[in-house]
């Protein structure tokens, strides 16, 4: 039943991805909202408005060029959301590493312009989506996503409570830029996906943006340090790009829940990773409604991890298992029939399936070879004269030894006297 449910979820995910992939055909870049060639540009195009201390230098837009500075860059026009879009910000942070109240925010929001610059040089009360990159939360350096309908005012103290998706992101003091990609597709099965350098930070199908006009922008502030936030490229596409649908083979690291455990006997402290269920006080404090919410989140994570390949692999395994089960049942049936039909001599009866005749013939040939080998061993144990009854080899050796011993002694005596005679002859010649 579990395998069947996983396969069904995988098929649903595959259908959803196929629907999303249909948007990626003939995707074009929207030049009114893109900055693809800042290296070749001499100044900012009139399709964007900069604010704060933002400067354009050496082919990049520096939002915070000095300490305690703020900067922003917004599209001049409003983007009309239809069914899907993809936005890519290529950014980097240099000159600072560590805790900071400042941060970099990317925006996709609607509403009229105002003087509200309280949230990283952007609006604290907005209608739309914000992607925040900072190092001021409890989890350290992260990328977080926040939604607002314009009714709630966010600040640096309560914004982390409004996070609906996040991942750990080491971004500070690196000359290598990061490309943050936001992908959205509307419809019956919407998709909101955030990637960093083609790695999935998070994605969900529980968010649906209203069909209306939106402002696209990026803002930053560096508090009291010299952290320099820079924008190197901005590209906006009227649809879902092929890179947006890369499978989640290398997902980014997600925050973990840790709790400090103290050994009562030794007093030693240890950090142990805990699940959300354990952190809430154990199974006794979890209601059926809480379990249902956790199952819904688990289903969302499964759908978010592009398990089309996993579902096909599971289907193949199920088919192989079914075929093997049928073959095994057939073998058991045949063996049972052989035992039932065995004769009084103990010999096996006839085999019903013709495909097993070669197997049993091979068994019989093997038995004959074993019998022949046993006969050869018995024959080899017999003496060299065969079974007709000649003298045993031990008797022949004993009789030969009786004659050889005196002959050896006689030869030794003759050798001795020969040696003595040679010595006498040598002495005689010397005299």
Protein backbone atom coordinates (compact mmCIF):
# COMPACT_ATOMS: atom_id res chain seq x y z
CA UNK A 1 0.00 0.00 0.00
CA UNK A 2 2.87 2.40 0.85
CA UNK A 3 4.64 1.64 -2.44
CA UNK A 4 1.39 2.18 -4.32
CA UNK A 5 0.86 5.57 -2.67
CA UNK A 6 4.45 6.62 -3.45
CA UNK A 7 3.99 5.62 -7.08
CA UNK A 8 0.77 7.64 -7.27
CA UNK A 9 2.47 10.68 -5.74
CA UNK A 10 5.37 10.24 -8.18
CA UNK A 11 2.97 10.14 -11.13
CA UNK A 12 1.25 13.29 -9.91
CA UNK A 13 4.61 15.01 -9.55
CA UNK A 14 5.60 13.86 -13.03
CA UNK A 15 2.37 15.23 -14.50
CA UNK A 16 2.88 18.53 -12.67
CA UNK A 17 6.44 18.81 -13.93
CA UNK A 18 5.31 18.00 -17.45
CA UNK A 19 2.76 20.80 -17.20
CA UNK A 20 5.41 23.16 -15.92
CA UNK A 21 7.80 22.14 -18.68
CA UNK A 22 5.21 23.13 -21.23
CA UNK A 23 5.79 26.75 -20.19
CA UNK A 24 9.50 26.48 -20.94
CA UNK A 25 8.92 26.29 -24.70
CA UNK A 26 9.85 29.46 -26.56
CA UNK A 27 10.77 31.42 -23.40
CA UNK A 28 12.08 34.90 -24.19
CA UNK A 29 13.86 37.46 -22.05
CA UNK A 30 11.91 40.60 -21.18
CA UNK A 31 14.35 43.43 -21.92
CA UNK A 32 12.29 46.06 -20.06
CA UNK A 33 13.03 44.28 -16.76
CA UNK A 34 16.49 42.82 -17.47
CA UNK A 35 20.10 43.99 -17.15
CA UNK A 36 22.03 41.27 -18.97
CA UNK A 37 25.06 43.28 -20.22
CA UNK A 38 26.17 45.60 -17.44
CA UNK A 39 29.83 45.04 -18.36
CA UNK A 40 29.25 46.65 -21.76
CA UNK A 41 26.95 49.43 -20.48
CA UNK A 42 28.19 52.95 -19.74
CA UNK A 43 25.25 53.90 -17.53
CA UNK A 44 22.04 52.48 -16.15
CA UNK A 45 19.22 52.17 -18.71
CA UNK A 46 16.18 54.37 -18.23
CA UNK A 47 14.06 51.27 -17.58
CA UNK A 48 15.33 51.22 -13.96
CA UNK A 49 15.38 53.70 -11.09
CA UNK A 50 18.17 53.68 -8.50
CA UNK A 51 17.90 55.05 -4.97
CA UNK A 52 19.94 55.71 -1.86
CA UNK A 53 23.73 55.54 -2.25
CA UNK A 54 23.56 53.15 -5.24
CA UNK A 55 26.35 53.68 -7.77
CA UNK A 56 27.16 52.14 -11.13
CA UNK A 57 30.86 51.38 -11.60
CA UNK A 58 33.01 48.92 -13.53
CA UNK A 59 30.08 46.98 -15.00
CA UNK A 60 28.26 46.36 -11.73
CA UNK A 61 25.69 48.10 -9.53
CA UNK A 62 26.99 48.67 -5.99
CA UNK A 63 24.06 49.08 -3.62
CA UNK A 64 26.16 49.75 -0.48
CA UNK A 65 29.42 51.37 -1.61
CA UNK A 66 30.56 52.45 1.89
CA UNK A 67 29.85 51.81 5.57
CA UNK A 68 26.36 52.61 6.91
CA UNK A 69 24.88 52.97 3.43
CA UNK A 70 21.63 51.94 1.78
CA UNK A 71 20.76 51.39 -1.84
CA UNK A 72 17.98 50.21 -4.13
CA UNK A 73 17.19 49.46 -7.77
CA UNK A 74 13.59 49.16 -9.05
CA UNK A 75 12.05 48.54 -12.46
CA UNK A 76 10.54 51.65 -14.04
CA UNK A 77 7.51 49.74 -15.33
CA UNK A 78 5.28 47.19 -13.63
CA UNK A 79 5.51 43.57 -14.70
CA UNK A 80 2.14 42.12 -15.77
CA UNK A 81 1.98 38.61 -14.34
CA UNK A 82 0.11 36.16 -16.58
CA UNK A 83 0.81 32.45 -16.03
CA UNK A 84 4.56 32.10 -15.37
CA UNK A 85 7.85 33.99 -15.09
CA UNK A 86 11.51 33.47 -14.12
CA UNK A 87 13.74 36.12 -12.50
CA UNK A 88 17.48 35.72 -11.93
CA UNK A 89 19.59 38.03 -9.74
CA UNK A 90 23.38 37.58 -9.93
CA UNK A 91 24.79 39.15 -6.75
CA UNK A 92 27.74 39.03 -4.38
CA UNK A 93 28.87 40.35 -0.99
CA UNK A 94 32.43 41.49 -0.24
CA UNK A 95 34.45 43.31 2.47
CA UNK A 96 32.68 41.74 5.47
CA UNK A 97 32.05 38.33 7.05
CA UNK A 98 30.07 37.56 10.19
CA UNK A 99 27.03 38.78 12.08
CA UNK A 100 25.37 41.84 10.57
CA UNK A 101 22.07 43.65 10.96
CA UNK A 102 22.16 44.51 7.27
CA UNK A 103 21.01 42.35 4.40
CA UNK A 104 20.12 42.03 0.72
CA UNK A 105 16.47 41.78 -0.36
CA UNK A 106 14.97 40.88 -3.75
CA UNK A 107 11.38 41.94 -4.39
CA UNK A 108 8.39 40.97 -6.49
CA UNK A 109 5.68 43.21 -5.07
CA UNK A 110 2.71 45.29 -6.14
CA UNK A 111 1.37 48.59 -4.88
CA UNK A 112 2.05 52.26 -5.15
CA UNK A 113 5.44 53.80 -4.42
CA UNK A 114 5.89 55.26 -0.94
CA UNK A 115 8.64 56.48 1.34
CA UNK A 116 8.71 53.29 3.42
CA UNK A 117 12.38 52.18 3.44
CA UNK A 118 12.45 50.54 6.87
CA UNK A 119 13.19 46.96 5.77
CA UNK A 120 16.70 46.82 4.21
CA UNK A 121 16.00 49.98 2.20
CA UNK A 122 12.70 48.45 1.06
CA UNK A 123 9.08 48.57 2.23
CA UNK A 124 8.24 47.01 5.57
CA UNK A 125 4.57 46.71 4.60
CA UNK A 126 4.27 45.24 1.11
CA UNK A 127 1.97 43.12 -1.03
CA UNK A 128 3.88 40.29 -2.68
CA UNK A 129 7.07 38.29 -2.21
CA UNK A 130 10.44 39.11 -0.66
CA UNK A 131 13.65 37.02 -0.79
CA UNK A 132 16.02 38.04 2.02
CA UNK A 133 19.73 37.15 2.25
CA UNK A 134 21.26 38.04 5.63
CA UNK A 135 23.31 36.78 8.58
CA UNK A 136 21.32 38.15 11.50
CA UNK A 137 18.96 35.28 12.34
CA UNK A 138 19.36 32.42 14.79
CA UNK A 139 20.36 30.09 11.95
CA UNK A 140 23.15 32.35 10.72
CA UNK A 141 23.74 32.98 7.03
CA UNK A 142 20.50 32.10 5.19
CA UNK A 143 18.20 32.84 2.28
CA UNK A 144 14.57 33.25 3.39
CA UNK A 145 11.26 33.91 1.64
CA UNK A 146 8.43 36.04 3.04
CA UNK A 147 4.90 36.69 1.82
CA UNK A 148 2.72 39.63 2.77
CA UNK A 149 -0.67 40.87 1.65
CA UNK A 150 0.00 44.45 2.68
CA UNK A 151 -1.75 44.22 6.04
CA UNK A 152 1.22 43.28 8.23
CA UNK A 153 4.23 45.45 8.95
CA UNK A 154 7.48 43.50 9.13
CA UNK A 155 10.67 44.48 10.89
CA UNK A 156 14.12 43.00 11.54
CA UNK A 157 12.81 41.55 14.81
CA UNK A 158 9.69 39.71 13.59
CA UNK A 159 10.50 38.96 9.95
CA UNK A 160 12.01 35.55 10.73
CA UNK A 161 8.70 34.39 12.20
CA UNK A 162 7.06 34.98 8.81
CA UNK A 163 9.44 32.73 6.82
CA UNK A 164 7.71 30.08 4.70
CA UNK A 165 10.84 28.72 2.99
CA UNK A 166 14.57 28.94 3.66
CA UNK A 167 17.99 27.35 3.23
CA UNK A 168 21.50 27.87 4.57
CA UNK A 169 23.58 30.08 2.27
CA UNK A 170 27.23 31.09 2.70
CA UNK A 171 27.39 34.33 0.71
CA UNK A 172 29.63 36.77 2.58
CA UNK A 173 33.08 37.98 1.51
CA UNK A 174 33.25 35.96 -1.71
CA UNK A 175 34.50 37.24 -5.04
CA UNK A 176 32.48 34.50 -6.76
CA UNK A 177 28.92 35.76 -7.40
CA UNK A 178 25.72 33.83 -6.71
CA UNK A 179 22.76 33.51 -9.08
CA UNK A 180 19.45 33.44 -7.23
CA UNK A 181 16.63 32.23 -9.48
CA UNK A 182 12.93 32.72 -8.68
CA UNK A 183 10.51 30.62 -10.73
CA UNK A 184 6.73 30.86 -10.56
CA UNK A 185 3.95 29.12 -12.46
CA UNK A 186 0.25 29.66 -11.82
CA UNK A 187 -2.71 27.41 -12.57
CA UNK A 188 -4.43 24.53 -10.80
CA UNK A 189 -1.07 23.20 -9.59
CA UNK A 190 1.08 26.32 -9.00
CA UNK A 191 4.83 26.18 -8.46
CA UNK A 192 7.09 28.60 -6.61
CA UNK A 193 10.73 27.57 -6.70
CA UNK A 194 13.96 29.25 -5.53
CA UNK A 195 17.38 28.06 -6.72
CA UNK A 196 20.92 29.20 -6.00
CA UNK A 197 23.45 28.31 -8.71
CA UNK A 198 21.04 25.63 -10.06
CA UNK A 199 20.72 24.03 -6.62
CA UNK A 200 17.25 23.99 -5.08
CA UNK A 201 16.89 26.11 -1.97
CA UNK A 202 13.18 25.32 -1.57
CA UNK A 203 10.02 24.96 -3.62
CA UNK A 204 6.34 24.69 -2.87
CA UNK A 205 3.00 24.32 -4.59
CA UNK A 206 1.06 25.96 -1.76
CA UNK A 207 1.71 29.57 -2.86
CA UNK A 208 -0.40 31.32 -5.49
CA UNK A 209 0.30 34.93 -6.46
CA UNK A 210 -2.59 37.12 -7.62
CA UNK A 211 -2.72 37.94 -11.33
CA UNK A 212 -1.80 41.62 -11.25
CA UNK A 213 1.07 44.06 -11.92
CA UNK A 214 4.28 43.79 -9.89
CA UNK A 215 7.43 45.80 -9.29
CA UNK A 216 10.75 43.95 -9.59
CA UNK A 217 13.66 45.26 -7.57
CA UNK A 218 16.60 44.71 -5.25
CA UNK A 219 17.58 46.64 -2.10
CA UNK A 220 20.30 46.41 0.54
CA UNK A 221 21.79 48.02 3.63
CA UNK A 222 25.00 47.19 5.49
CA UNK A 223 24.22 48.68 8.93
CA UNK A 224 27.48 49.90 10.50
CA UNK A 225 30.02 47.79 8.56
CA UNK A 226 31.62 48.05 5.11
CA UNK A 227 29.82 45.08 3.54
CA UNK A 228 29.36 45.81 -0.14
CA UNK A 229 26.29 44.28 -1.82
CA UNK A 230 26.59 44.24 -5.61
CA UNK A 231 24.28 43.37 -8.50
CA UNK A 232 26.11 42.03 -11.54
CA UNK A 233 23.18 40.89 -13.69
CA UNK A 234 19.40 40.74 -13.74
CA UNK A 235 17.39 38.65 -16.18
CA UNK A 236 13.59 38.27 -16.32
CA UNK A 237 11.88 35.72 -18.59
CA UNK A 238 8.21 35.53 -19.57
CA UNK A 239 7.93 31.85 -18.67
CA UNK A 240 9.82 28.97 -17.09
CA UNK A 241 13.33 28.36 -18.37
CA UNK A 242 14.90 24.92 -18.84
CA UNK A 243 17.36 25.57 -16.01
CA UNK A 244 14.44 26.15 -13.66
CA UNK A 245 13.30 22.54 -14.07
CA UNK A 246 16.64 20.91 -13.22
CA UNK A 247 15.87 17.94 -10.88
CA UNK A 248 16.70 18.30 -7.22
CA UNK A 249 19.81 16.13 -7.37
CA UNK A 250 21.83 18.51 -5.15
CA UNK A 251 19.51 20.29 -2.76
CA UNK A 252 20.95 22.96 -0.48
CA UNK A 253 21.47 22.44 3.23
CA UNK A 254 18.43 23.04 5.39
CA UNK A 255 18.35 24.26 9.01
CA UNK A 256 18.37 21.54 11.67
CA UNK A 257 16.76 21.50 15.11
CA UNK A 258 19.33 20.95 17.87
CA UNK A 259 18.77 20.62 21.60
CA UNK A 260 21.27 20.57 24.42
CA UNK A 261 21.23 17.33 26.43
CA UNK A 262 22.95 17.27 29.86
CA UNK A 263 23.99 13.94 31.38
CA UNK A 264 22.71 13.94 34.97
CA UNK A 265 25.47 11.63 36.19
CA UNK A 266 28.52 13.20 34.53
CA UNK A 267 27.24 16.70 33.82
CA UNK A 268 28.52 16.56 30.24
CA UNK A 269 26.66 18.61 27.62
CA UNK A 270 25.90 17.33 24.13
CA UNK A 271 24.06 18.81 21.15
CA UNK A 272 21.57 16.30 19.72
CA UNK A 273 19.51 16.71 16.56
CA UNK A 274 15.81 16.48 17.33
CA UNK A 275 12.79 16.07 15.11
CA UNK A 276 9.87 18.48 15.20
CA UNK A 277 7.81 15.80 16.93
CA UNK A 278 10.37 15.45 19.73
CA UNK A 279 10.78 19.19 20.11
CA UNK A 280 7.02 19.58 20.68
CA UNK A 281 7.08 17.33 23.74
CA UNK A 282 6.71 13.79 22.41
CA UNK A 283 3.96 11.76 20.83
CA UNK A 284 1.51 12.26 23.73
CA UNK A 285 1.22 16.00 23.04
CA UNK A 286 0.55 15.62 19.28
CA UNK A 287 -3.08 15.73 18.15
CA UNK A 288 -4.53 14.13 15.04
CA UNK A 289 -4.72 17.54 13.45
CA UNK A 290 -1.00 18.10 14.05
CA UNK A 291 -0.22 14.71 12.53
CA UNK A 292 -2.37 15.56 9.50
CA UNK A 293 -0.48 18.83 9.01
CA UNK A 294 2.86 17.02 9.24
CA UNK A 295 1.69 14.46 6.67
CA UNK A 296 0.63 17.27 4.35
CA UNK A 297 4.06 18.87 4.71
CA UNK A 298 5.71 15.50 4.03
CA UNK A 299 3.61 15.08 0.89
CA UNK A 300 4.62 18.56 -0.20
CA UNK A 301 8.32 17.74 0.29
CA UNK A 302 7.92 14.56 -1.74
CA UNK A 303 6.21 16.49 -4.53
CA UNK A 304 8.89 19.16 -4.31
CA UNK A 305 11.75 16.73 -4.86
CA UNK A 306 10.90 15.73 -8.44
CA UNK A 307 10.52 11.99 -7.80
CA UNK A 308 9.51 11.08 -11.33
CA UNK A 309 12.65 8.96 -11.73
CA UNK A 310 12.04 7.37 -8.32
CA UNK A 311 8.46 6.45 -9.22
CA UNK A 312 9.55 4.81 -12.49
CA UNK A 313 12.23 2.85 -10.63
CA UNK A 314 9.66 1.68 -8.07
CA UNK A 315 7.27 0.60 -10.82
CA UNK A 316 10.04 -1.40 -12.48
CA UNK A 317 10.94 -3.07 -9.17
CA UNK A 318 7.29 -3.98 -8.57
CA UNK A 319 7.04 -5.56 -12.04
CA UNK A 320 10.26 -7.55 -11.53
CA UNK A 321 9.04 -8.74 -8.14
CA UNK A 322 5.73 -9.87 -9.66
CA UNK A 323 7.48 -11.86 -12.40
CA UNK A 324 9.85 -13.48 -9.91
CA UNK A 325 6.95 -14.43 -7.63
CA UNK A 326 5.17 -16.17 -10.51
CA UNK A 327 8.31 -18.12 -11.45
CA UNK A 328 8.89 -19.13 -7.84
CA UNK A 329 5.31 -20.37 -7.50
CA UNK A 330 5.77 -22.41 -10.70
CA UNK A 331 8.96 -24.04 -9.39
CA UNK A 332 7.31 -24.89 -6.05
CA UNK A 333 4.35 -26.46 -7.88
CA UNK A 334 6.64 -28.60 -10.07
CA UNK A 335 8.72 -29.80 -7.13
CA UNK A 336 5.56 -30.70 -5.23
CA UNK A 337 4.28 -32.69 -8.22
CA UNK A 338 7.59 -34.61 -8.43
CA UNK A 339 7.36 -35.68 -4.82
CA UNK A 340 3.73 -36.72 -5.21
CA UNK A 341 4.41 -38.79 -8.33
CA UNK A 342 7.59 -40.50 -7.00
CA UNK A 343 7.57 -44.33 -7.37
CA UNK A 344 8.03 -46.99 -4.72
CA UNK A 345 11.79 -47.25 -5.50
CA UNK A 346 12.24 -43.70 -4.29
CA UNK A 347 12.91 -42.49 -7.84
CA UNK A 348 11.35 -39.25 -8.94
CA UNK A 349 8.32 -39.28 -11.13
CA UNK A 350 7.92 -37.57 -14.47
CA UNK A 351 8.28 -33.85 -14.68
CA UNK A 352 5.28 -31.94 -15.97
CA UNK A 353 7.13 -28.91 -17.35
CA UNK A 354 9.30 -29.69 -20.39
CA UNK A 355 11.60 -26.73 -19.58
CA UNK A 356 13.02 -28.59 -16.57
CA UNK A 357 14.02 -31.82 -18.40
CA UNK A 358 17.48 -30.55 -19.28
CA UNK A 359 18.04 -29.61 -15.68
CA UNK A 360 17.23 -33.09 -14.36
CA UNK A 361 19.27 -34.78 -17.15
CA UNK A 362 22.25 -32.77 -16.04
CA UNK A 363 21.64 -33.97 -12.50
CA UNK A 364 21.67 -37.61 -13.66
CA UNK A 365 24.90 -37.12 -15.66
CA UNK A 366 26.54 -35.60 -12.63
CA UNK A 367 25.63 -38.63 -10.52
CA UNK A 368 27.11 -40.99 -13.15
CA UNK A 369 30.35 -39.02 -13.19
CA UNK A 370 30.59 -39.28 -9.42
CA UNK A 371 30.12 -43.07 -9.54
CA UNK A 372 32.78 -43.45 -12.22
CA UNK A 373 35.19 -41.35 -10.22
CA UNK A 374 34.64 -43.57 -7.17
CA UNK A 375 35.39 -46.70 -9.23
CA UNK A 376 38.62 -45.18 -10.54
CA UNK A 377 39.74 -44.46 -7.00
CA UNK A 378 39.10 -48.07 -5.94
CA UNK A 379 41.06 -49.40 -8.95
CA UNK A 380 44.01 -47.10 -8.19
CA UNK A 381 44.26 -48.59 -4.71
CA UNK A 382 44.99 -52.02 -6.13
CA UNK A 383 48.60 -53.07 -6.70
CA UNK A 384 50.41 -52.88 -9.98
CA UNK A 385 49.63 -56.55 -10.81
CA UNK A 386 45.86 -56.06 -10.68
CA UNK A 387 43.40 -58.23 -8.82
CA UNK A 388 44.72 -61.63 -10.20
CA UNK A 389 47.02 -62.09 -7.15
CA UNK A 390 50.74 -61.42 -7.72
CA UNK A 391 53.33 -60.68 -5.01
CA UNK A 392 52.79 -57.43 -3.17
CA UNK A 393 55.22 -54.59 -3.76
CA UNK A 394 56.29 -54.60 -0.09
CA UNK A 395 57.33 -58.29 -0.36
CA UNK A 396 59.47 -57.53 -3.43
CA UNK A 397 61.23 -54.66 -1.66
CA UNK A 398 61.96 -56.87 1.40
CA UNK A 399 63.59 -59.63 -0.68
CA UNK A 400 65.67 -57.17 -2.69
CA UNK A 401 66.95 -55.57 0.49
CA UNK A 402 68.24 -59.00 1.75
CA UNK A 403 70.48 -59.29 -1.33
CA UNK A 404 71.46 -55.65 -1.64
CA UNK A 405 72.81 -55.19 1.91
CA UNK A 406 75.64 -57.86 1.65
CA UNK A 407 76.47 -56.60 -1.85
CA UNK A 408 76.88 -53.02 -0.59
CA UNK A 409 79.13 -54.23 2.28
CA UNK A 410 81.33 -56.23 -0.12
CA UNK A 411 81.73 -53.24 -2.43
CA UNK A 412 82.79 -51.04 0.48
CA UNK A 413 85.50 -53.61 1.54
CA UNK A 414 86.84 -53.79 -2.02
CA UNK A 415 86.96 -50.00 -2.24
CA UNK A 416 88.94 -49.86 1.01
CA UNK A 417 91.58 -52.38 -0.15
CA UNK A 418 91.86 -50.66 -3.54
CA UNK A 419 92.62 -47.39 -1.79
CA UNK A 420 95.35 -49.06 0.37
CA UNK A 421 97.03 -50.66 -2.63
CA UNK A 422 97.20 -47.27 -4.43
CA UNK A 423 98.89 -45.71 -1.42
CA UNK A 424 101.53 -48.51 -1.29
CA UNK A 425 102.28 -48.05 -5.01
CA UNK A 426 102.77 -44.30 -4.51
CA UNK A 427 105.24 -44.89 -1.62
CA UNK A 428 107.22 -47.40 -3.64
CA UNK A 429 107.70 -44.91 -6.52
CA UNK A 430 108.90 -42.23 -4.14
CA UNK A 431 111.60 -44.52 -2.68
